[in-house]
Amino acid sequence: MATSNPSFIIKRYDSFGGKFIDSQYLGASYETGKPHQFMNTLTKIFSAKSRFIGTKPLLSMTGGRPGGVKEIDTEVYRWKLQGAEYKCARVIENLEAANTAPGLNGANFSVKLDLDFFSYPEVMLPEDPDFPVAVVEGPVDDGTGYIYTFRLEGDNPTAFLPTDLLREGAEFSKSWTSVQSERNQYFGGQQYATSFMLEGQVSAFAQEVVVTDKAWRDQGKLAVEFFYTDYRTGKRQKVTKFLPYAEAMMHEELMMSIEAQSWYGKKQTKQGPDGYWVKTGAGVREQMRDGHTEFYNGPLTTTRIKDYLLDIFFAREDEQNRSITALTGTLGSVMFHDMLATEAASFLQVDTHFTTKIKDKPRHLSFGAQYKHYQGPEGIEMDLMLNPLYDSRRYCKRKHPTFTNFPIDYTRFTFMDFGSTQGEDNITQLRVKDTTRWGWVAGTHTPTGPVQGGQAGGKIAGYDMFTETTSGTWIKDVTKTGELIFDDEA
């Protein structure tokens, strides 16, 4: 582990934070008139913190760039979601507990179910489809459920229903109708989907920088160059004055706030200090609590991935629409690679990917590649994407129980369907129309210098820079998402 106090340090310039900048902050952190510095460059120390600046995987994948989000007219939004068109009925009480052979010799037997959708002449299937049962009477509401009288279908008098098929929680589903072939007057019914009205809301974000007149004058005296990531392009930029750097960091902090809140935010509405409502939207994790969540503590295997993804898609999506993206930390990415590399080792293949020639050195060979994609049976397809927030102690401070130098989210897998739901993106970034603003408020100064002969915004020597916006992540159908979460006690 690198030492935290190298012996070569003769002067330390402490960092600072917050929204207010004056000349004392600049003087204490980046003193003027310092000795000659070779290369005239401030090199950032080797640390994990810097790699997360400018990295916003969720915003980039949902179109969360300027002009790439969906605008709405107000902070609160609603949408409708339709449930499955067919529901299975469940046994809520075993009324034949003392009967060891229900249905023997064509005898009727009773079942209490949780739905009143069924009636004569419908035929239902229990969990074993070899034992169809016909509805004779019912449903009769007894206050705790619906009692049906069933009869086992078939001409075999020795057949009876296995008692395990009548246990509490066992399922029955309507399958067909059995009606007379002449002068019939009995008909079966249908089921219709449940519709839901759901509600979400977006969050508001704001940052500012307060600059004094002396800070504006002293910024050009710093013998230091500053590096930052342009939040609009993602490219690394260099400036020789501090205030352009401060302004860029203000915008970057706004975007990182949106990214972090999009993952970890909690839905709440409360009054602000001026009596106006502060609305905060639900982040991805809170929305995904209604998705497919599993805990694991062993090695990652293709069997686990296959079974998990089939559980999400089975009977919900056809084989042509089963693509999903998994976001994970570094160790999760390594585990995924090791899993597929182990599987691939069992196949005899002529490899042209792991062993390649180095372009500039044709006599040298290079070995290695990383698996980032998995194609499973029945149309399952999975892309792996690194989520740097899962590696960051800034956002996750719980230590991994085995790899204690890393956060526990290092091995978390978040499965997100970035495809479409009825022609629209399943995951969308929202923004309230006309809420994105940035600029400066003049005092006796502006970003270009002191006011000389013109109108000032106030008599305080300095100026304010600001930026604000609204944003929210909207997952239309959370049943197409899920998480595999490492838990050493699972």
Protein backbone atom coordinates (compact mmCIF):
# COMPACT_ATOMS: atom_id res chain seq x y z
CA MET A 1 0.00 0.00 0.00
CA ALA A 2 1.29 3.47 -0.90
CA THR A 3 2.43 5.59 2.05
CA SER A 4 0.21 8.52 2.98
CA ASN A 5 3.13 10.81 3.98
CA PRO A 6 6.05 10.55 1.51
CA SER A 7 9.36 11.88 2.82
CA PHE A 8 9.94 14.06 -0.27
CA ILE A 9 7.12 16.46 0.60
CA ILE A 10 8.43 19.82 1.83
CA LYS A 11 5.21 21.76 1.43
CA ARG A 12 1.62 20.62 1.23
CA TYR A 13 -1.10 22.68 -0.41
CA ASP A 14 -4.36 21.61 1.19
CA SER A 15 -7.44 21.22 -0.96
CA PHE A 16 -10.64 23.03 -0.11
CA GLY A 17 -14.28 22.72 -1.03
CA GLY A 18 -17.59 24.51 -0.89
CA LYS A 19 -19.13 27.30 -2.92
CA PHE A 20 -17.14 30.33 -1.72
CA ILE A 21 -13.74 31.32 -3.14
CA ASP A 22 -11.67 34.28 -1.98
CA SER A 23 -7.99 35.18 -2.22
CA GLN A 24 -7.19 33.63 1.18
CA TYR A 25 -8.37 30.23 -0.03
CA LEU A 26 -6.25 30.53 -3.16
CA GLY A 27 -3.24 31.81 -1.26
CA ALA A 28 -3.39 28.99 1.33
CA SER A 29 -3.89 26.24 -1.24
CA TYR A 30 -1.83 27.49 -4.23
CA GLU A 31 0.50 30.17 -2.80
CA THR A 32 1.88 32.75 -5.20
CA GLY A 33 5.61 33.40 -5.66
CA LYS A 34 6.57 29.75 -5.01
CA PRO A 35 9.99 28.40 -6.16
CA HIS A 36 10.50 27.31 -9.72
CA GLN A 37 8.54 24.22 -10.61
CA PHE A 38 9.84 22.00 -13.40
CA MET A 39 7.39 21.48 -16.27
CA ASN A 40 5.24 24.27 -14.77
CA THR A 41 2.60 21.59 -14.16
CA LEU A 42 0.66 20.33 -11.19
CA THR A 43 0.60 16.54 -11.58
CA LYS A 44 -2.28 14.83 -9.86
CA ILE A 45 -1.26 12.30 -7.25
CA PHE A 46 -1.93 8.63 -8.07
CA SER A 47 -5.34 8.17 -6.46
CA ALA A 48 -8.60 6.44 -7.22
CA LYS A 49 -10.67 9.58 -6.70
CA SER A 50 -9.84 11.28 -9.97
CA ARG A 51 -11.00 8.44 -12.24
CA PHE A 52 -14.63 8.91 -11.24
CA ILE A 53 -14.75 12.54 -12.35
CA GLY A 54 -16.46 12.77 -15.72
CA THR A 55 -17.71 9.16 -15.56
CA LYS A 56 -21.49 8.97 -15.71
CA PRO A 57 -22.55 5.59 -17.13
CA LEU A 58 -26.26 5.89 -16.42
CA LEU A 59 -26.59 9.39 -17.89
CA SER A 60 -24.62 8.39 -20.98
CA MET A 61 -26.74 5.29 -21.63
CA THR A 62 -30.09 6.99 -21.08
CA GLY A 63 -29.30 9.94 -23.31
CA GLY A 64 -28.63 12.21 -20.35
CA ARG A 65 -26.68 14.70 -22.42
CA PRO A 66 -27.72 18.23 -23.32
CA GLY A 67 -30.61 17.80 -25.74
CA GLY A 68 -30.77 14.06 -25.17
CA VAL A 69 -33.39 13.79 -22.44
CA LYS A 70 -37.18 13.81 -22.48
CA GLU A 71 -38.69 17.06 -21.23
CA ILE A 72 -41.88 17.16 -19.16
CA ASP A 73 -44.01 20.10 -17.96
CA THR A 74 -43.92 19.53 -14.19
CA GLU A 75 -41.87 17.78 -11.51
CA VAL A 76 -44.33 14.95 -10.89
CA TYR A 77 -45.09 12.44 -13.63
CA ARG A 78 -47.39 9.45 -13.91
CA TRP A 79 -47.64 6.47 -16.21
CA LYS A 80 -49.79 3.42 -16.67
CA LEU A 81 -48.52 -0.13 -16.53
CA GLN A 82 -50.61 -3.15 -17.45
CA GLY A 83 -50.17 -6.37 -15.55
CA ALA A 84 -50.39 -9.91 -16.85
CA GLU A 85 -53.62 -10.84 -18.62
CA TYR A 86 -53.79 -14.15 -16.81
CA LYS A 87 -53.52 -14.93 -13.10
CA CYS A 88 -53.23 -18.28 -11.38
CA ALA A 89 -55.41 -18.94 -8.34
CA ARG A 90 -53.72 -20.05 -5.11
CA VAL A 91 -54.98 -22.36 -2.40
CA ILE A 92 -55.40 -20.36 0.82
CA GLU A 93 -56.76 -23.23 2.96
CA ASN A 94 -56.65 -27.03 2.51
CA LEU A 95 -60.28 -28.13 3.08
CA GLU A 96 -59.44 -31.78 2.35
CA ALA A 97 -56.66 -32.19 4.93
CA ALA A 98 -58.29 -35.36 6.30
CA ASN A 99 -58.96 -36.84 2.85
CA THR A 100 -56.10 -39.04 1.64
CA ALA A 101 -57.57 -39.63 -1.83
CA PRO A 102 -59.50 -36.55 -3.05
CA GLY A 103 -61.59 -37.32 -6.15
CA LEU A 104 -61.44 -41.14 -5.84
CA ASN A 105 -64.37 -42.90 -7.62
CA GLY A 106 -65.47 -39.56 -9.12
CA ALA A 107 -66.24 -38.01 -5.73
CA ASN A 108 -66.44 -34.25 -5.42
CA PHE A 109 -63.99 -32.38 -3.19
CA SER A 110 -63.64 -28.78 -2.01
CA VAL A 111 -60.87 -26.24 -2.51
CA LYS A 112 -60.60 -22.68 -1.15
CA LEU A 113 -58.91 -20.30 -3.62
CA ASP A 114 -58.04 -16.60 -3.55
CA LEU A 115 -59.86 -15.68 -6.82
CA ASP A 116 -63.51 -15.79 -7.82
CA PHE A 117 -62.87 -15.83 -11.57
CA PHE A 118 -63.97 -19.40 -12.31
CA SER A 119 -67.26 -21.31 -12.64
CA TYR A 120 -68.91 -24.27 -14.36
CA PRO A 121 -68.14 -25.53 -17.09
CA GLU A 122 -64.48 -24.53 -16.77
CA VAL A 123 -61.70 -27.04 -16.22
CA MET A 124 -58.64 -26.15 -14.15
CA LEU A 125 -55.15 -27.55 -13.97
CA PRO A 126 -53.26 -27.91 -10.67
CA GLU A 127 -49.47 -27.77 -10.54
CA ASP A 128 -49.35 -31.26 -12.08
CA PRO A 129 -51.19 -31.00 -15.44
CA ASP A 130 -51.94 -34.75 -15.46
CA PHE A 131 -54.81 -34.13 -13.02
CA PRO A 132 -57.35 -31.73 -14.64
CA VAL A 133 -60.30 -30.87 -12.40
CA ALA A 134 -63.73 -29.61 -13.47
CA VAL A 135 -65.58 -26.89 -11.57
CA VAL A 136 -68.87 -28.34 -10.28
CA GLU A 137 -70.02 -25.50 -8.03
CA GLY A 138 -68.77 -22.16 -6.82
CA PRO A 139 -67.30 -19.79 -6.13
CA VAL A 140 -68.83 -19.33 -2.66
CA ASP A 141 -67.46 -16.40 -0.67
CA ASP A 142 -66.86 -17.38 2.97
CA GLY A 143 -65.14 -14.11 3.98
CA THR A 144 -61.57 -15.41 3.79
CA GLY A 145 -61.61 -16.85 0.28
CA TYR A 146 -63.73 -18.57 -2.36
CA ILE A 147 -64.81 -22.19 -2.00
CA TYR A 148 -65.08 -24.32 -5.13
CA THR A 149 -66.39 -27.86 -5.57
CA PHE A 150 -64.19 -29.82 -7.97
CA ARG A 151 -64.39 -33.18 -9.68
CA LEU A 152 -61.44 -35.01 -11.19
CA GLU A 153 -61.83 -35.35 -14.99
CA GLY A 154 -61.40 -38.74 -16.62
CA ASP A 155 -63.09 -42.14 -16.76
CA ASN A 156 -60.63 -43.93 -14.45
CA PRO A 157 -62.46 -44.52 -11.13
CA THR A 158 -59.23 -45.36 -9.28
CA ALA A 159 -57.62 -42.00 -10.03
CA PHE A 160 -57.38 -39.38 -7.29
CA LEU A 161 -55.67 -36.03 -6.80
CA PRO A 162 -52.31 -36.16 -4.96
CA THR A 163 -52.80 -34.36 -1.63
CA ASP A 164 -49.70 -32.18 -2.19
CA LEU A 165 -51.59 -30.39 -4.97
CA LEU A 166 -54.05 -29.03 -2.35
CA ARG A 167 -51.50 -27.59 0.06
CA GLU A 168 -51.65 -23.90 0.99
CA GLY A 169 -50.01 -21.85 -1.77
CA ALA A 170 -50.51 -24.45 -4.50
CA GLU A 171 -51.70 -22.98 -7.81
CA PHE A 172 -54.64 -23.73 -10.09
CA SER A 173 -55.20 -22.21 -13.52
CA LYS A 174 -58.11 -22.27 -15.94
CA SER A 175 -57.31 -24.36 -19.01
CA TRP A 176 -60.44 -25.16 -21.03
CA THR A 177 -64.20 -25.68 -20.89
CA SER A 178 -66.07 -29.00 -21.06
CA VAL A 179 -69.58 -28.46 -22.46
CA GLN A 180 -72.31 -30.63 -23.96
CA SER A 181 -72.20 -31.08 -27.71
CA GLU A 182 -75.90 -30.33 -28.28
CA ARG A 183 -78.14 -27.49 -27.06
CA ASN A 184 -75.39 -26.12 -24.85
CA GLN A 185 -76.19 -23.12 -22.67
CA TYR A 186 -73.06 -23.02 -20.46
CA PHE A 187 -69.99 -20.95 -21.25
CA GLY A 188 -66.64 -20.12 -19.70
CA GLY A 189 -65.26 -16.68 -18.92
CA GLN A 190 -62.12 -14.68 -19.59
CA GLN A 191 -59.55 -12.79 -17.55
CA TYR A 192 -58.52 -9.21 -18.16
CA ALA A 193 -55.31 -7.49 -17.22
CA THR A 194 -54.97 -5.25 -14.20
CA SER A 195 -53.82 -1.70 -14.97
CA PHE A 196 -51.73 0.36 -12.60
CA MET A 197 -51.26 4.09 -12.34
CA LEU A 198 -47.75 4.81 -11.09
CA GLU A 199 -46.23 8.11 -10.01
CA GLY A 200 -42.70 9.43 -9.88
CA GLN A 201 -40.98 12.78 -9.62
CA VAL A 202 -37.76 14.42 -10.69
CA SER A 203 -35.19 16.13 -8.48
CA ALA A 204 -33.78 19.65 -8.66
CA PHE A 205 -30.05 20.38 -8.47
CA ALA A 206 -28.05 23.60 -8.07
CA GLN A 207 -24.42 24.66 -7.60
CA GLU A 208 -22.74 28.04 -7.24
CA VAL A 209 -19.34 29.68 -6.94
CA VAL A 210 -18.92 33.01 -5.12
CA VAL A 211 -15.83 34.94 -6.25
CA THR A 212 -14.34 38.02 -4.56
CA ASP A 213 -12.61 40.79 -6.47
CA LYS A 214 -9.17 39.92 -5.07
CA ALA A 215 -9.60 36.25 -5.97
CA TRP A 216 -10.33 37.36 -9.53
CA ARG A 217 -7.12 39.43 -9.56
CA ASP A 218 -4.92 36.76 -7.93
CA GLN A 219 -6.04 33.85 -10.09
CA GLY A 220 -3.65 34.84 -12.87
CA LYS A 221 -0.62 34.81 -10.54
CA LEU A 222 -0.71 31.08 -9.83
CA ALA A 223 2.23 29.18 -11.31
CA VAL A 224 0.05 26.08 -11.64
CA GLU A 225 -1.89 24.48 -14.47
CA PHE A 226 -5.27 22.93 -13.75
CA PHE A 227 -6.77 19.87 -15.40
CA TYR A 228 -10.46 19.07 -15.50
CA THR A 229 -12.93 16.98 -17.52
CA ASP A 230 -15.30 18.97 -19.70
CA TYR A 231 -18.78 17.84 -18.64
CA ARG A 232 -20.15 18.51 -22.15
CA THR A 233 -17.57 16.56 -24.17
CA GLY A 234 -15.95 14.26 -21.61
CA LYS A 235 -12.51 15.42 -22.82
CA ARG A 236 -9.68 16.45 -20.53
CA GLN A 237 -8.93 20.18 -20.59
CA LYS A 238 -6.11 22.35 -19.21
CA VAL A 239 -6.25 25.97 -18.03
CA THR A 240 -3.70 28.25 -16.39
CA LYS A 241 -6.19 30.33 -14.39
CA PHE A 242 -8.12 29.02 -11.42
CA LEU A 243 -11.57 30.48 -12.03
CA PRO A 244 -12.21 28.72 -15.39
CA TYR A 245 -11.26 25.55 -13.53
CA ALA A 246 -13.65 26.43 -10.70
CA GLU A 247 -16.47 27.10 -13.15
CA ALA A 248 -15.86 23.79 -14.93
CA MET A 249 -15.83 21.93 -11.61
CA MET A 250 -19.12 23.62 -10.66
CA HIS A 251 -20.78 22.21 -13.80
CA GLU A 252 -19.09 18.82 -13.32
CA GLU A 253 -20.29 18.61 -9.72
CA LEU A 254 -23.83 19.28 -10.92
CA MET A 255 -23.65 16.41 -13.41
CA MET A 256 -22.05 14.04 -10.89
CA SER A 257 -24.81 14.97 -8.43
CA ILE A 258 -27.39 13.93 -11.00
CA GLU A 259 -25.58 10.64 -11.69
CA ALA A 260 -25.25 9.79 -7.99
CA GLN A 261 -28.86 10.71 -7.22
CA SER A 262 -30.00 8.66 -10.20
CA TRP A 263 -28.54 5.60 -8.48
CA TYR A 264 -28.98 6.20 -4.77
CA GLY A 265 -31.78 8.78 -4.45
CA LYS A 266 -34.88 8.25 -2.28
CA LYS A 267 -38.29 9.60 -3.16
CA GLN A 268 -39.40 12.29 -0.73
CA THR A 269 -41.35 15.54 -0.61
CA LYS A 270 -40.75 18.10 2.14
CA GLN A 271 -40.80 21.83 2.68
CA GLY A 272 -37.70 23.87 2.01
CA PRO A 273 -36.43 26.78 4.15
CA ASP A 274 -38.59 29.27 2.21
CA GLY A 275 -41.75 27.16 2.44
CA TYR A 276 -41.57 25.76 -1.11
CA TRP A 277 -41.66 22.01 -1.75
CA VAL A 278 -38.40 20.13 -2.20
CA LYS A 279 -39.18 17.12 -4.39
CA THR A 280 -36.65 14.32 -4.72
CA GLY A 281 -37.09 11.43 -7.12
CA ALA A 282 -36.46 7.73 -6.52
CA GLY A 283 -33.11 6.47 -7.74
CA VAL A 284 -32.48 3.24 -9.63
CA ARG A 285 -31.95 1.16 -6.49
CA GLU A 286 -35.18 2.25 -4.86
CA GLN A 287 -37.12 1.60 -8.06
CA MET A 288 -35.47 -1.80 -8.49
CA ARG A 289 -36.71 -3.10 -5.15
CA ASP A 290 -39.75 -4.33 -7.07
CA GLY A 291 -37.50 -6.07 -9.62
CA HIS A 292 -35.65 -9.38 -9.45
CA THR A 293 -33.21 -9.24 -6.54
CA GLU A 294 -31.03 -12.18 -5.48
CA PHE A 295 -28.14 -12.47 -3.03
CA TYR A 296 -25.05 -14.60 -3.58
CA ASN A 297 -21.76 -15.30 -1.84
CA GLY A 298 -20.16 -18.01 -3.95
CA PRO A 299 -18.42 -18.04 -7.32
CA LEU A 300 -20.20 -16.66 -10.35
CA THR A 301 -21.22 -19.38 -12.82
CA THR A 302 -22.91 -19.41 -16.19
CA THR A 303 -25.62 -21.61 -14.67
CA ARG A 304 -26.46 -18.93 -12.12
CA ILE A 305 -26.49 -16.19 -14.79
CA LYS A 306 -28.59 -18.32 -17.15
CA ASP A 307 -31.14 -19.26 -14.48
CA TYR A 308 -31.33 -15.71 -13.20
CA LEU A 309 -31.92 -14.17 -16.63
CA LEU A 310 -34.42 -16.85 -17.62
CA ASP A 311 -36.34 -16.02 -14.44
CA ILE A 312 -36.58 -12.41 -15.62
CA PHE A 313 -37.56 -13.13 -19.22
CA PHE A 314 -39.38 -16.48 -19.13
CA ALA A 315 -43.00 -16.13 -20.30
CA ARG A 316 -42.55 -12.32 -20.41
CA GLU A 317 -40.45 -11.64 -23.51
CA ASP A 318 -39.96 -13.69 -26.65
CA GLU A 319 -36.55 -15.00 -27.65
CA GLN A 320 -35.87 -12.02 -29.95
CA ASN A 321 -36.10 -9.47 -27.14
CA ARG A 322 -34.01 -10.85 -24.29
CA SER A 323 -31.00 -8.52 -24.31
CA ILE A 324 -29.88 -6.93 -21.06
CA THR A 325 -26.97 -4.83 -19.77
CA ALA A 326 -25.24 -5.63 -16.49
CA LEU A 327 -23.39 -2.83 -14.67
CA THR A 328 -20.85 -3.96 -12.10
CA GLY A 329 -17.63 -3.04 -10.31
CA THR A 330 -14.09 -4.11 -11.14
CA LEU A 331 -14.14 -7.42 -9.29
CA GLY A 332 -17.55 -8.23 -10.72
CA SER A 333 -16.11 -7.64 -14.19
CA VAL A 334 -13.13 -9.89 -13.40
CA MET A 335 -15.46 -12.59 -12.02
CA PHE A 336 -17.52 -12.42 -15.20
CA HIS A 337 -14.39 -12.82 -17.33
CA ASP A 338 -13.07 -15.72 -15.23
CA MET A 339 -16.45 -17.44 -15.45
CA LEU A 340 -16.53 -17.35 -19.25
CA ALA A 341 -12.81 -18.10 -19.61
CA THR A 342 -13.29 -21.26 -17.54
CA GLU A 343 -16.21 -22.31 -19.73
CA ALA A 344 -14.29 -21.55 -22.92
CA ALA A 345 -11.30 -23.65 -21.76
CA SER A 346 -13.39 -26.79 -22.16
CA PHE A 347 -13.76 -26.24 -25.92
CA LEU A 348 -11.16 -27.06 -28.55
CA GLN A 349 -10.83 -23.97 -30.66
CA VAL A 350 -8.40 -22.18 -32.96
CA ASP A 351 -7.91 -18.88 -31.19
CA THR A 352 -7.15 -15.63 -32.99
CA HIS A 353 -8.22 -13.26 -30.22
CA PHE A 354 -6.24 -14.13 -27.08
CA THR A 355 -2.95 -14.52 -28.99
CA THR A 356 -2.25 -11.66 -31.37
CA LYS A 357 0.69 -9.91 -32.97
CA ILE A 358 1.74 -6.49 -31.73
CA LYS A 359 1.18 -4.08 -34.59
CA ASP A 360 4.41 -2.08 -34.21
CA LYS A 361 6.49 -5.15 -33.29
CA PRO A 362 5.55 -7.94 -35.71
CA ARG A 363 7.92 -10.44 -34.09
CA HIS A 364 6.32 -9.94 -30.69
CA LEU A 365 3.16 -11.70 -29.56
CA SER A 366 0.59 -10.41 -27.10
CA PHE A 367 -1.63 -12.65 -25.00
CA GLY A 368 -4.92 -11.79 -23.40
CA ALA A 369 -8.41 -10.43 -23.86
CA GLN A 370 -11.44 -9.88 -21.66
CA TYR A 371 -14.90 -11.36 -21.96
CA LYS A 372 -17.58 -8.66 -21.88
CA HIS A 373 -20.51 -10.39 -23.59
CA TYR A 374 -22.51 -13.55 -22.93
CA GLN A 375 -24.96 -15.32 -25.21
CA GLY A 376 -27.04 -17.88 -23.40
CA PRO A 377 -29.80 -20.26 -24.50
CA GLU A 378 -33.28 -19.18 -25.61
CA GLY A 379 -32.19 -15.76 -26.87
CA ILE A 380 -30.51 -14.57 -23.64
CA GLU A 381 -27.89 -11.91 -24.39
CA MET A 382 -25.94 -9.92 -21.83
CA ASP A 383 -23.49 -7.03 -22.19
CA LEU A 384 -21.20 -6.18 -19.29
CA MET A 385 -20.44 -2.55 -18.46
CA LEU A 386 -18.16 -1.22 -15.74
CA ASN A 387 -19.86 1.15 -13.29
CA PRO A 388 -17.08 3.20 -11.67
CA LEU A 389 -19.45 4.35 -8.89
CA TYR A 390 -19.43 0.77 -7.58
CA ASP A 391 -15.64 0.99 -7.14
CA SER A 392 -15.73 4.39 -5.44
CA ARG A 393 -15.43 4.79 -1.68
CA ARG A 394 -17.02 8.21 -2.09
CA TYR A 395 -20.33 6.54 -2.85
CA CYS A 396 -19.97 3.17 -1.08
CA LYS A 397 -18.02 3.11 2.16
CA ARG A 398 -18.97 -0.40 3.30
CA LYS A 399 -15.94 -2.67 2.91
CA HIS A 400 -16.03 -5.96 1.07
CA PRO A 401 -15.66 -8.71 3.72
CA THR A 402 -12.96 -10.54 1.71
CA PHE A 403 -11.30 -7.76 -0.27
CA THR A 404 -11.25 -5.21 2.53
CA ASN A 405 -9.48 -2.51 0.48
CA PHE A 406 -12.54 -2.24 -1.74
CA PRO A 407 -16.21 -1.34 -1.28
CA ILE A 408 -18.76 -4.15 -1.18
CA ASP A 409 -20.44 -2.90 -4.37
CA TYR A 410 -17.21 -3.95 -6.12
CA THR A 411 -19.04 -7.25 -6.83
CA ARG A 412 -22.63 -6.03 -7.32
CA PHE A 413 -24.41 -6.72 -10.62
CA THR A 414 -27.24 -4.42 -11.68
CA PHE A 415 -29.20 -5.72 -14.67
CA MET A 416 -30.95 -3.04 -16.70
CA ASP A 417 -33.02 -3.43 -19.84
CA PHE A 418 -32.23 -0.38 -21.97
CA GLY A 419 -34.49 -1.68 -24.72
CA SER A 420 -37.99 -0.52 -25.52
CA THR A 421 -41.37 -1.06 -23.89
CA GLN A 422 -44.19 -0.71 -26.42
CA GLY A 423 -42.01 1.39 -28.71
CA GLU A 424 -40.47 3.65 -26.02
CA ASP A 425 -37.23 3.37 -24.09
CA ASN A 426 -37.68 1.33 -20.94
CA ILE A 427 -35.26 3.60 -19.03
CA THR A 428 -35.41 7.33 -19.70
CA GLN A 429 -33.84 10.45 -18.23
CA LEU A 430 -36.40 13.19 -17.58
CA ARG A 431 -36.07 16.95 -17.15
CA VAL A 432 -38.66 19.63 -16.43
CA LYS A 433 -38.93 22.06 -19.33
CA ASP A 434 -37.14 25.41 -18.92
CA THR A 435 -35.45 24.49 -15.62
CA THR A 436 -31.86 24.32 -16.91
CA ARG A 437 -30.10 27.61 -16.24
CA TRP A 438 -26.54 28.83 -15.80
CA GLY A 439 -24.79 32.18 -15.77
CA TRP A 440 -23.42 34.80 -13.39
CA VAL A 441 -24.73 37.56 -11.16
CA ALA A 442 -22.60 40.72 -11.14
CA GLY A 443 -21.57 42.67 -8.09
CA THR A 444 -18.93 45.26 -8.84
CA HIS A 445 -17.22 42.59 -10.94
CA THR A 446 -18.13 40.16 -13.73
CA PRO A 447 -16.11 37.18 -15.03
CA THR A 448 -14.40 39.57 -17.46
CA GLY A 449 -13.31 42.08 -14.82
CA PRO A 450 -14.49 45.08 -12.79
CA VAL A 451 -17.47 47.19 -13.83
CA GLN A 452 -16.09 50.54 -15.04
CA GLY A 453 -18.73 53.04 -15.88
CA GLY A 454 -21.56 50.63 -16.47
CA GLN A 455 -24.35 49.22 -14.34
CA ALA A 456 -23.33 46.92 -11.48
CA GLY A 457 -25.51 44.28 -9.89
CA GLY A 458 -24.55 45.37 -6.38
CA LYS A 459 -21.89 47.12 -4.35
CA ILE A 460 -20.24 43.90 -3.12
CA ALA A 461 -16.86 43.51 -4.78
CA GLY A 462 -17.10 40.24 -6.68
CA TYR A 463 -19.66 38.14 -8.55
CA ASP A 464 -21.53 34.83 -8.34
CA MET A 465 -21.59 31.98 -10.88
CA PHE A 466 -24.46 29.48 -10.80
CA THR A 467 -25.92 26.46 -12.55
CA GLU A 468 -29.09 24.49 -11.89
CA THR A 469 -31.36 21.95 -13.53
CA THR A 470 -33.85 19.14 -12.87
CA SER A 471 -33.40 15.48 -13.64
CA GLY A 472 -34.89 12.08 -12.86
CA THR A 473 -34.43 8.49 -13.98
CA TRP A 474 -37.65 6.80 -15.06
CA ILE A 475 -37.84 3.00 -15.27
CA LYS A 476 -41.15 2.16 -16.90
CA ASP A 477 -41.16 -1.58 -16.19
CA VAL A 478 -38.97 -2.66 -13.26
CA THR A 479 -39.86 -6.33 -13.81
CA LYS A 480 -37.34 -6.19 -16.69
CA THR A 481 -34.54 -5.25 -14.26
CA GLY A 482 -32.83 -6.83 -11.27
CA GLU A 483 -29.72 -7.18 -9.15
CA LEU A 484 -27.30 -9.87 -8.00
CA ILE A 485 -25.94 -8.56 -4.71
CA PHE A 486 -22.98 -10.02 -2.87
CA ASP A 487 -23.78 -10.92 0.73
CA ASP A 488 -21.33 -13.02 2.76
CA GLU A 489 -24.24 -14.27 4.88
CA ALA A 490 -26.48 -15.31 1.98
